[in-house]
Amino acid sequence: MALCATLGLALLPAAYAKLPAPTPEAKAKADEAKAKAAWSDKVAAYQLCKSMDRVAARYAQEARAAGKDARPPVATPACADPGPYQVAAAATPPLEAAGAHSPAKTAISPPSGTATAAEQAGAQKK
């Protein structure tokens, strides 16, 4: 019994260890799964709404056919179709985060020059 208690106390810190932070790819995949699940929930709600409308309409039709007095249906909001699933475009990081402001290799000349924008684009200066 003392051995079990000692072993349990020895393994206790491992139980409280933190998981590493998710990679950007894993985070993007999790966000995509969350968006797909939210869309699936909207589709399920739309299908439920449409089926409830069909059941209410059929009930009213059968009640009228049987000669019963059917109450008018309760006004409810229209069913909102979520449309097809669309993959969200990946957000592009700002230039500062993308590393576009610094050259990839060591600069050996100043970044500015005497060339005009037209010359840099390939047009001849007149």
N, C-alpha and C. Protein backbone atom coordinates (compact mmCIF):
# COMPACT_ATOMS: atom_id res chain seq x y z
N MET A 1 0.83 -1.18 0.00
CA MET A 1 0.00 0.00 0.00
C MET A 1 0.88 1.25 0.00
N ALA A 2 1.95 1.23 0.78
CA ALA A 2 2.86 2.36 0.81
C ALA A 2 3.55 2.53 -0.54
N LEU A 3 3.80 1.40 -1.21
CA LEU A 3 4.42 1.45 -2.53
C LEU A 3 3.49 2.14 -3.54
N CYS A 4 2.21 1.83 -3.48
CA CYS A 4 1.24 2.46 -4.37
C CYS A 4 1.15 3.96 -4.11
N ALA A 5 1.17 4.36 -2.86
CA ALA A 5 1.09 5.78 -2.52
C ALA A 5 2.34 6.51 -2.99
N THR A 6 3.50 5.89 -2.83
CA THR A 6 4.76 6.50 -3.27
C THR A 6 4.78 6.63 -4.79
N LEU A 7 4.34 5.58 -5.47
CA LEU A 7 4.30 5.61 -6.93
C LEU A 7 3.31 6.67 -7.42
N GLY A 8 2.17 6.78 -6.75
CA GLY A 8 1.18 7.80 -7.13
C GLY A 8 1.72 9.20 -6.94
N LEU A 9 2.42 9.44 -5.85
CA LEU A 9 3.00 10.76 -5.62
C LEU A 9 4.12 11.07 -6.61
N ALA A 10 4.84 10.04 -7.04
CA ALA A 10 5.92 10.25 -8.00
C ALA A 10 5.38 10.61 -9.37
N LEU A 11 4.23 10.08 -9.75
CA LEU A 11 3.65 10.34 -11.07
C LEU A 11 2.73 11.56 -11.09
N LEU A 12 2.47 12.15 -9.95
CA LEU A 12 1.57 13.30 -9.86
C LEU A 12 2.03 14.49 -10.70
N PRO A 13 3.30 14.88 -10.71
CA PRO A 13 3.70 16.02 -11.55
C PRO A 13 3.47 15.77 -13.04
N ALA A 14 3.59 14.55 -13.50
CA ALA A 14 3.36 14.25 -14.91
C ALA A 14 1.90 14.48 -15.28
N ALA A 15 1.00 14.31 -14.33
CA ALA A 15 -0.41 14.51 -14.62
C ALA A 15 -0.73 15.99 -14.83
N TYR A 16 0.07 16.86 -14.26
CA TYR A 16 -0.17 18.30 -14.39
C TYR A 16 0.66 18.94 -15.50
N ALA A 17 1.34 18.18 -16.31
CA ALA A 17 2.18 18.73 -17.37
C ALA A 17 1.29 19.41 -18.41
N LYS A 18 1.79 20.47 -18.99
CA LYS A 18 1.05 21.20 -20.00
C LYS A 18 1.33 20.63 -21.38
N LEU A 19 0.33 20.71 -22.22
CA LEU A 19 0.52 20.32 -23.61
C LEU A 19 1.19 21.47 -24.35
N PRO A 20 1.94 21.15 -25.40
CA PRO A 20 2.56 22.23 -26.17
C PRO A 20 1.49 23.02 -26.93
N ALA A 21 1.81 24.24 -27.25
CA ALA A 21 0.88 25.09 -28.01
C ALA A 21 0.67 24.48 -29.39
N PRO A 22 -0.55 24.56 -29.93
CA PRO A 22 -0.80 23.98 -31.24
C PRO A 22 -0.06 24.77 -32.33
N THR A 23 0.32 24.06 -33.37
CA THR A 23 0.98 24.70 -34.50
C THR A 23 -0.05 25.52 -35.26
N PRO A 24 0.38 26.46 -36.09
CA PRO A 24 -0.59 27.22 -36.88
C PRO A 24 -1.45 26.33 -37.78
N GLU A 25 -0.85 25.27 -38.31
CA GLU A 25 -1.62 24.37 -39.17
C GLU A 25 -2.71 23.64 -38.36
N ALA A 26 -2.34 23.20 -37.15
CA ALA A 26 -3.31 22.52 -36.31
C ALA A 26 -4.42 23.47 -35.87
N LYS A 27 -4.04 24.71 -35.59
CA LYS A 27 -5.04 25.70 -35.19
C LYS A 27 -5.99 26.01 -36.35
N ALA A 28 -5.44 26.12 -37.56
CA ALA A 28 -6.27 26.38 -38.74
C ALA A 28 -7.21 25.21 -38.99
N LYS A 29 -6.71 23.99 -38.80
CA LYS A 29 -7.54 22.80 -39.00
C LYS A 29 -8.67 22.77 -37.96
N ALA A 30 -8.36 23.12 -36.73
CA ALA A 30 -9.38 23.15 -35.67
C ALA A 30 -10.42 24.23 -35.96
N ASP A 31 -9.99 25.39 -36.43
CA ASP A 31 -10.92 26.46 -36.78
C ASP A 31 -11.83 26.03 -37.93
N GLU A 32 -11.25 25.33 -38.91
CA GLU A 32 -12.03 24.84 -40.04
C GLU A 32 -13.07 23.83 -39.58
N ALA A 33 -12.68 22.94 -38.67
CA ALA A 33 -13.62 21.95 -38.14
C ALA A 33 -14.74 22.64 -37.35
N LYS A 34 -14.38 23.68 -36.62
CA LYS A 34 -15.39 24.43 -35.86
C LYS A 34 -16.38 25.13 -36.81
N ALA A 35 -15.87 25.70 -37.89
CA ALA A 35 -16.74 26.37 -38.86
C ALA A 35 -17.65 25.36 -39.55
N LYS A 36 -17.11 24.20 -39.89
CA LYS A 36 -17.91 23.17 -40.55
C LYS A 36 -19.00 22.66 -39.60
N ALA A 37 -18.68 22.50 -38.33
CA ALA A 37 -19.68 22.05 -37.36
C ALA A 37 -20.78 23.09 -37.18
N ALA A 38 -20.41 24.37 -37.17
CA ALA A 38 -21.41 25.43 -37.05
C ALA A 38 -22.33 25.44 -38.27
N TRP A 39 -21.76 25.23 -39.46
CA TRP A 39 -22.57 25.19 -40.67
C TRP A 39 -23.51 23.97 -40.64
N SER A 40 -23.00 22.84 -40.17
CA SER A 40 -23.82 21.63 -40.07
C SER A 40 -24.99 21.86 -39.11
N ASP A 41 -24.75 22.58 -38.02
CA ASP A 41 -25.82 22.91 -37.09
C ASP A 41 -26.89 23.78 -37.76
N LYS A 42 -26.45 24.73 -38.57
CA LYS A 42 -27.40 25.60 -39.27
C LYS A 42 -28.23 24.79 -40.28
N VAL A 43 -27.58 23.85 -40.98
CA VAL A 43 -28.30 23.01 -41.94
C VAL A 43 -29.33 22.16 -41.20
N ALA A 44 -28.95 21.59 -40.06
CA ALA A 44 -29.88 20.76 -39.29
C ALA A 44 -31.07 21.59 -38.81
N ALA A 45 -30.82 22.81 -38.36
CA ALA A 45 -31.91 23.68 -37.91
C ALA A 45 -32.83 24.04 -39.07
N TYR A 46 -32.27 24.27 -40.26
CA TYR A 46 -33.07 24.58 -41.44
C TYR A 46 -33.95 23.39 -41.82
N GLN A 47 -33.37 22.19 -41.82
CA GLN A 47 -34.14 21.00 -42.17
C GLN A 47 -35.25 20.74 -41.15
N LEU A 48 -34.97 20.97 -39.88
CA LEU A 48 -35.99 20.81 -38.85
C LEU A 48 -37.12 21.82 -39.05
N CYS A 49 -36.77 23.04 -39.35
CA CYS A 49 -37.77 24.10 -39.58
C CYS A 49 -38.67 23.73 -40.75
N LYS A 50 -38.07 23.26 -41.85
CA LYS A 50 -38.86 22.90 -43.03
C LYS A 50 -39.78 21.71 -42.72
N SER A 51 -39.28 20.74 -41.97
CA SER A 51 -40.13 19.58 -41.67
C SER A 51 -41.27 19.97 -40.73
N MET A 52 -41.02 20.88 -39.79
CA MET A 52 -42.09 21.35 -38.91
C MET A 52 -43.15 22.09 -39.71
N ASP A 53 -42.73 22.88 -40.71
CA ASP A 53 -43.70 23.57 -41.56
C ASP A 53 -44.56 22.57 -42.34
N ARG A 54 -43.93 21.49 -42.85
CA ARG A 54 -44.68 20.48 -43.60
C ARG A 54 -45.67 19.75 -42.70
N VAL A 55 -45.27 19.43 -41.48
CA VAL A 55 -46.16 18.74 -40.55
C VAL A 55 -47.33 19.64 -40.18
N ALA A 56 -47.08 20.90 -39.93
CA ALA A 56 -48.17 21.82 -39.57
C ALA A 56 -49.14 21.99 -40.73
N ALA A 57 -48.61 22.08 -41.95
CA ALA A 57 -49.49 22.24 -43.12
C ALA A 57 -50.34 20.98 -43.33
N ARG A 58 -49.74 19.82 -43.16
CA ARG A 58 -50.49 18.57 -43.35
C ARG A 58 -51.55 18.42 -42.26
N TYR A 59 -51.21 18.78 -41.03
CA TYR A 59 -52.18 18.69 -39.94
C TYR A 59 -53.39 19.58 -40.24
N ALA A 60 -53.13 20.81 -40.69
CA ALA A 60 -54.23 21.73 -40.99
C ALA A 60 -55.08 21.20 -42.14
N GLN A 61 -54.43 20.62 -43.14
CA GLN A 61 -55.16 20.08 -44.29
C GLN A 61 -56.04 18.90 -43.87
N GLU A 62 -55.50 17.99 -43.07
CA GLU A 62 -56.27 16.83 -42.63
C GLU A 62 -57.39 17.25 -41.68
N ALA A 63 -57.15 18.27 -40.87
CA ALA A 63 -58.20 18.73 -39.95
C ALA A 63 -59.36 19.33 -40.73
N ARG A 64 -59.05 20.12 -41.76
CA ARG A 64 -60.11 20.71 -42.59
C ARG A 64 -60.87 19.62 -43.34
N ALA A 65 -60.14 18.61 -43.82
CA ALA A 65 -60.79 17.53 -44.56
C ALA A 65 -61.72 16.73 -43.65
N ALA A 66 -61.37 16.62 -42.38
CA ALA A 66 -62.20 15.89 -41.43
C ALA A 66 -63.34 16.75 -40.88
N GLY A 67 -63.37 18.02 -41.26
CA GLY A 67 -64.44 18.90 -40.81
C GLY A 67 -64.18 19.49 -39.44
N LYS A 68 -62.99 19.37 -38.93
CA LYS A 68 -62.66 19.94 -37.62
C LYS A 68 -62.26 21.39 -37.79
N ASP A 69 -62.41 22.12 -36.71
CA ASP A 69 -62.01 23.54 -36.73
C ASP A 69 -60.52 23.63 -36.38
N ALA A 70 -59.70 23.91 -37.36
CA ALA A 70 -58.25 24.02 -37.14
C ALA A 70 -57.91 25.49 -36.88
N ARG A 71 -57.17 25.70 -35.80
CA ARG A 71 -56.75 27.06 -35.49
C ARG A 71 -55.74 27.53 -36.54
N PRO A 72 -55.67 28.82 -36.78
CA PRO A 72 -54.66 29.32 -37.73
C PRO A 72 -53.25 29.10 -37.17
N PRO A 73 -52.29 28.85 -38.03
CA PRO A 73 -50.94 28.59 -37.53
C PRO A 73 -50.34 29.82 -36.86
N VAL A 74 -49.47 29.55 -35.91
CA VAL A 74 -48.78 30.61 -35.20
C VAL A 74 -47.70 31.16 -36.13
N ALA A 75 -47.60 32.47 -36.19
CA ALA A 75 -46.60 33.10 -37.06
C ALA A 75 -45.20 32.84 -36.49
N THR A 76 -44.35 32.29 -37.30
CA THR A 76 -42.96 32.03 -36.91
C THR A 76 -42.04 32.63 -37.96
N PRO A 77 -40.78 32.88 -37.60
CA PRO A 77 -39.86 33.41 -38.61
C PRO A 77 -39.64 32.39 -39.73
N ALA A 78 -39.38 32.91 -40.90
CA ALA A 78 -39.15 32.05 -42.05
C ALA A 78 -37.87 31.22 -41.84
N CYS A 79 -37.85 30.05 -42.43
CA CYS A 79 -36.67 29.18 -42.34
C CYS A 79 -35.55 29.81 -43.16
N ALA A 80 -34.38 29.91 -42.56
CA ALA A 80 -33.23 30.53 -43.23
C ALA A 80 -32.30 29.44 -43.76
N ASP A 81 -32.19 29.37 -45.08
CA ASP A 81 -31.32 28.39 -45.72
C ASP A 81 -29.87 28.85 -45.59
N PRO A 82 -28.98 28.04 -44.97
CA PRO A 82 -27.59 28.46 -44.81
C PRO A 82 -26.78 28.40 -46.10
N GLY A 83 -27.31 27.76 -47.13
CA GLY A 83 -26.59 27.66 -48.39
C GLY A 83 -25.49 26.60 -48.32
N PRO A 84 -24.74 26.47 -49.40
CA PRO A 84 -23.67 25.47 -49.42
C PRO A 84 -22.52 25.90 -48.52
N TYR A 85 -21.78 24.90 -48.08
CA TYR A 85 -20.62 25.19 -47.22
C TYR A 85 -19.54 25.85 -48.04
N GLN A 86 -18.98 26.93 -47.50
CA GLN A 86 -17.90 27.63 -48.17
C GLN A 86 -16.69 27.66 -47.26
N VAL A 87 -15.57 27.27 -47.82
CA VAL A 87 -14.33 27.28 -47.06
C VAL A 87 -13.90 28.73 -46.89
N ALA A 88 -13.65 29.12 -45.66
CA ALA A 88 -13.22 30.49 -45.39
C ALA A 88 -11.81 30.68 -45.93
N ALA A 89 -11.58 31.80 -46.57
CA ALA A 89 -10.24 32.10 -47.09
C ALA A 89 -9.29 32.34 -45.92
N ALA A 90 -8.11 31.80 -46.06
CA ALA A 90 -7.11 31.99 -45.00
C ALA A 90 -6.69 33.46 -44.97
N ALA A 91 -6.67 33.99 -43.79
CA ALA A 91 -6.29 35.39 -43.62
C ALA A 91 -4.79 35.53 -43.88
N THR A 92 -4.44 36.49 -44.71
CA THR A 92 -3.03 36.72 -44.98
C THR A 92 -2.47 37.58 -43.86
N PRO A 93 -1.30 37.23 -43.37
CA PRO A 93 -0.73 38.02 -42.28
C PRO A 93 -0.31 39.39 -42.79
N PRO A 94 -0.27 40.38 -41.93
CA PRO A 94 0.19 41.69 -42.37
C PRO A 94 1.65 41.61 -42.82
N LEU A 95 2.06 42.59 -43.60
CA LEU A 95 3.41 42.56 -44.16
C LEU A 95 4.47 42.42 -43.09
N GLU A 96 4.26 43.05 -41.94
CA GLU A 96 5.26 42.97 -40.88
C GLU A 96 5.42 41.54 -40.38
N ALA A 97 4.29 40.84 -40.27
CA ALA A 97 4.34 39.47 -39.79
C ALA A 97 4.87 38.52 -40.86
N ALA A 98 4.69 38.88 -42.12
CA ALA A 98 5.13 38.02 -43.21
C ALA A 98 6.63 38.14 -43.46
N GLY A 99 7.28 39.13 -42.87
CA GLY A 99 8.71 39.30 -43.06
C GLY A 99 9.04 40.02 -44.36
N ALA A 100 8.06 40.70 -44.97
CA ALA A 100 8.28 41.35 -46.25
C ALA A 100 9.10 42.63 -46.10
N HIS A 101 9.20 43.15 -44.90
CA HIS A 101 9.91 44.41 -44.71
C HIS A 101 11.42 44.22 -44.63
N SER A 102 11.88 43.02 -44.48
CA SER A 102 13.32 42.80 -44.38
C SER A 102 13.76 41.83 -45.47
N PRO A 103 14.93 42.08 -46.07
CA PRO A 103 15.38 41.19 -47.14
C PRO A 103 15.77 39.82 -46.58
N ALA A 104 15.73 38.82 -47.44
CA ALA A 104 16.05 37.46 -47.00
C ALA A 104 17.54 37.28 -46.76
N LYS A 105 18.38 38.00 -47.48
CA LYS A 105 19.83 37.87 -47.29
C LYS A 105 20.39 39.22 -46.88
N THR A 106 21.61 39.23 -46.47
CA THR A 106 22.25 40.45 -46.02
C THR A 106 22.37 41.43 -47.18
N ALA A 107 21.96 42.67 -46.96
CA ALA A 107 22.02 43.69 -48.00
C ALA A 107 23.46 44.15 -48.16
N ILE A 108 23.90 44.28 -49.41
CA ILE A 108 25.25 44.76 -49.69
C ILE A 108 25.23 46.15 -50.30
N SER A 109 24.03 46.64 -50.60
CA SER A 109 23.89 47.99 -51.12
C SER A 109 22.67 48.62 -50.45
N PRO A 110 22.61 49.95 -50.47
CA PRO A 110 21.44 50.59 -49.85
C PRO A 110 20.16 50.22 -50.60
N PRO A 111 19.03 50.17 -49.91
CA PRO A 111 17.80 49.78 -50.56
C PRO A 111 17.27 50.82 -51.53
N SER A 112 17.66 52.07 -51.37
CA SER A 112 17.17 53.10 -52.27
C SER A 112 18.15 53.31 -53.41
N GLY A 113 17.64 53.80 -54.50
CA GLY A 113 18.48 54.06 -55.67
C GLY A 113 17.93 55.24 -56.43
N THR A 114 18.53 55.52 -57.56
CA THR A 114 18.10 56.67 -58.36
C THR A 114 17.11 56.27 -59.44
N ALA A 115 16.79 55.01 -59.56
CA ALA A 115 15.85 54.56 -60.60
C ALA A 115 14.43 55.00 -60.24
N THR A 116 13.71 55.43 -61.25
CA THR A 116 12.32 55.82 -61.05
C THR A 116 11.45 54.57 -60.99
N ALA A 117 10.20 54.76 -60.60
CA ALA A 117 9.28 53.63 -60.51
C ALA A 117 9.07 53.01 -61.88
N ALA A 118 9.02 53.84 -62.94
CA ALA A 118 8.85 53.33 -64.29
C ALA A 118 10.05 52.49 -64.71
N GLU A 119 11.25 52.92 -64.35
CA GLU A 119 12.44 52.15 -64.69
C GLU A 119 12.48 50.84 -63.93
N GLN A 120 12.03 50.86 -62.69
CA GLN A 120 12.00 49.63 -61.91
C GLN A 120 10.98 48.64 -62.49
N ALA A 121 9.90 49.17 -63.07
CA ALA A 121 8.89 48.33 -63.67
C ALA A 121 9.31 47.84 -65.05
N GLY A 122 10.36 48.40 -65.61
CA GLY A 122 10.84 47.92 -66.91
C GLY A 122 10.59 48.90 -68.05
N ALA A 123 9.95 50.03 -67.81
CA ALA A 123 9.70 51.00 -68.87
C ALA A 123 10.92 51.90 -69.01
N GLN A 124 11.13 52.39 -70.20
CA GLN A 124 12.26 53.28 -70.47
C GLN A 124 11.93 54.71 -70.03
N LYS A 125 12.92 55.40 -69.52
CA LYS A 125 12.78 56.80 -69.10
C LYS A 125 12.94 57.67 -70.33
N LYS A 126 12.08 58.65 -70.53
CA LYS A 126 12.16 59.53 -71.69
C LYS A 126 12.95 60.76 -71.40
